[in-house]
């Protein structure tokens, strides 16, 4: 479902973060709001996971706390990088066709 043309359009295999942004009638930009049923891992309706908002907040908080501590770079070919840009995916929710290897180093404390 994550890359079905019927759901995402003909360009479903392209990496396009812009597809999740929209501008409202007043000209304000922001992320699109989706139905609670689109995040199937949390179920939906009256059986919606009570911890969904907490889980999303915790995941975002952890990423926001860790990312500023490191410098991230795509690994080079001599480091074993075989993937190309833009990413290509297999018919799966989370599996890229080619694995991306990332080099990260802790930033110097100032």
Protein backbone atom coordinates (compact mmCIF):
# COMPACT_ATOMS: atom_id res chain seq x y z
CA UNK A 1 0.00 0.00 0.00
CA UNK A 2 2.87 2.38 0.72
CA UNK A 3 3.81 2.60 -2.96
CA UNK A 4 0.63 1.72 -4.81
CA UNK A 5 -0.02 3.94 -7.85
CA UNK A 6 -3.75 3.84 -7.03
CA UNK A 7 -3.00 5.52 -3.69
CA UNK A 8 -0.01 7.78 -4.44
CA UNK A 9 -0.21 8.35 -8.20
CA UNK A 10 2.04 7.45 -11.12
CA UNK A 11 5.13 8.83 -9.35
CA UNK A 12 4.62 6.59 -6.29
CA UNK A 13 8.18 5.22 -6.41
CA UNK A 14 9.81 8.65 -6.41
CA UNK A 15 11.06 10.26 -3.22
CA UNK A 16 8.91 13.39 -2.99
CA UNK A 17 8.48 14.83 0.52
CA UNK A 18 6.47 17.66 -1.06
CA UNK A 19 3.55 15.28 -1.55
CA UNK A 20 2.89 15.60 2.20
CA UNK A 21 2.66 19.41 2.15
CA UNK A 22 -0.32 21.54 1.27
CA UNK A 23 -1.42 25.17 1.25
CA UNK A 24 -4.81 26.08 2.69
CA UNK A 25 -7.28 28.68 1.38
CA UNK A 26 -5.57 31.42 3.43
CA UNK A 27 -2.18 30.65 1.88
CA UNK A 28 -0.72 28.97 4.97
CA UNK A 29 1.53 25.98 4.30
CA UNK A 30 1.75 22.89 6.43
CA UNK A 31 1.65 19.13 6.43
CA UNK A 32 -1.39 17.40 5.02
CA UNK A 33 -3.83 15.99 7.53
CA UNK A 34 -4.71 12.35 6.93
CA UNK A 35 -7.43 10.10 8.23
CA UNK A 36 -6.68 8.14 11.39
CA UNK A 37 -7.26 5.00 9.32
CA UNK A 38 -4.10 5.57 7.25
CA UNK A 39 -1.77 4.65 10.11
CA UNK A 40 -2.87 1.04 10.38
CA UNK A 41 -0.38 0.19 13.13
CA UNK A 42 -2.48 2.26 15.53
CA UNK A 43 -5.86 0.93 14.28
CA UNK A 44 -8.60 3.54 14.09
CA UNK A 45 -12.09 4.59 15.09
CA UNK A 46 -13.30 3.58 18.56
CA UNK A 47 -10.38 1.15 18.87
CA UNK A 48 -7.73 3.79 18.16
CA UNK A 49 -4.58 3.11 20.16
CA UNK A 50 -4.59 5.28 23.28
CA UNK A 51 -0.82 5.59 23.09
CA UNK A 52 -0.64 6.76 19.46
CA UNK A 53 0.02 10.42 20.25
CA UNK A 54 2.51 9.52 22.95
CA UNK A 55 4.36 7.09 20.63
CA UNK A 56 4.54 9.68 17.84
CA UNK A 57 5.71 12.37 20.27
CA UNK A 58 8.35 10.10 21.82
CA UNK A 59 9.74 9.06 18.43
CA UNK A 60 9.94 12.67 17.25
CA UNK A 61 11.50 13.79 20.54
CA UNK A 62 14.20 11.13 20.36
CA UNK A 63 15.08 12.02 16.78
CA UNK A 64 15.09 15.74 17.61
CA UNK A 65 17.41 15.13 20.58
CA UNK A 66 19.87 12.85 18.77
CA UNK A 67 20.18 14.36 15.27
CA UNK A 68 21.83 17.64 16.38
CA UNK A 69 24.59 15.66 18.10
CA UNK A 70 25.88 14.08 14.88
CA UNK A 71 26.96 14.95 11.35
CA UNK A 72 25.41 12.61 8.77
CA UNK A 73 26.74 11.90 5.28
CA UNK A 74 25.95 9.32 2.62
CA UNK A 75 28.64 6.66 2.67
CA UNK A 76 30.97 6.71 -0.32
CA UNK A 77 31.46 3.85 -2.80
CA UNK A 78 34.76 2.89 -1.18
CA UNK A 79 32.86 2.44 2.09
CA UNK A 80 30.49 -0.04 0.45
CA UNK A 81 27.72 2.27 -0.76
CA UNK A 82 25.84 0.58 -3.60
CA UNK A 83 22.59 2.56 -3.54
CA UNK A 84 21.81 5.43 -5.89
CA UNK A 85 19.66 8.54 -5.59
CA UNK A 86 16.68 8.87 -5.73
CA UNK A 87 15.89 5.75 -3.70
CA UNK A 88 14.16 2.78 -5.32
CA UNK A 89 11.79 0.57 -3.37
CA UNK A 90 10.43 -2.93 -3.55
CA UNK A 91 6.71 -3.52 -3.00
CA UNK A 92 6.88 -3.14 0.74
CA UNK A 93 6.07 -0.55 3.34
CA UNK A 94 9.60 -0.08 4.63
CA UNK A 95 12.14 -1.96 2.52
CA UNK A 96 14.28 -0.02 0.06
CA UNK A 97 15.43 -1.91 -3.01
CA UNK A 98 19.02 -0.91 -2.30
CA UNK A 99 20.26 -0.39 1.26
CA UNK A 100 21.52 3.09 2.06
CA UNK A 101 24.63 3.30 4.12
CA UNK A 102 25.17 6.41 6.16
CA UNK A 103 28.32 7.64 7.82
CA UNK A 104 27.77 9.57 11.02
CA UNK A 105 30.18 11.15 13.43
CA UNK A 106 29.59 12.80 16.75
CA UNK A 107 29.95 16.57 16.50
CA UNK A 108 32.68 18.24 18.52
CA UNK A 109 31.38 19.88 21.66
CA UNK A 110 31.72 23.64 21.63
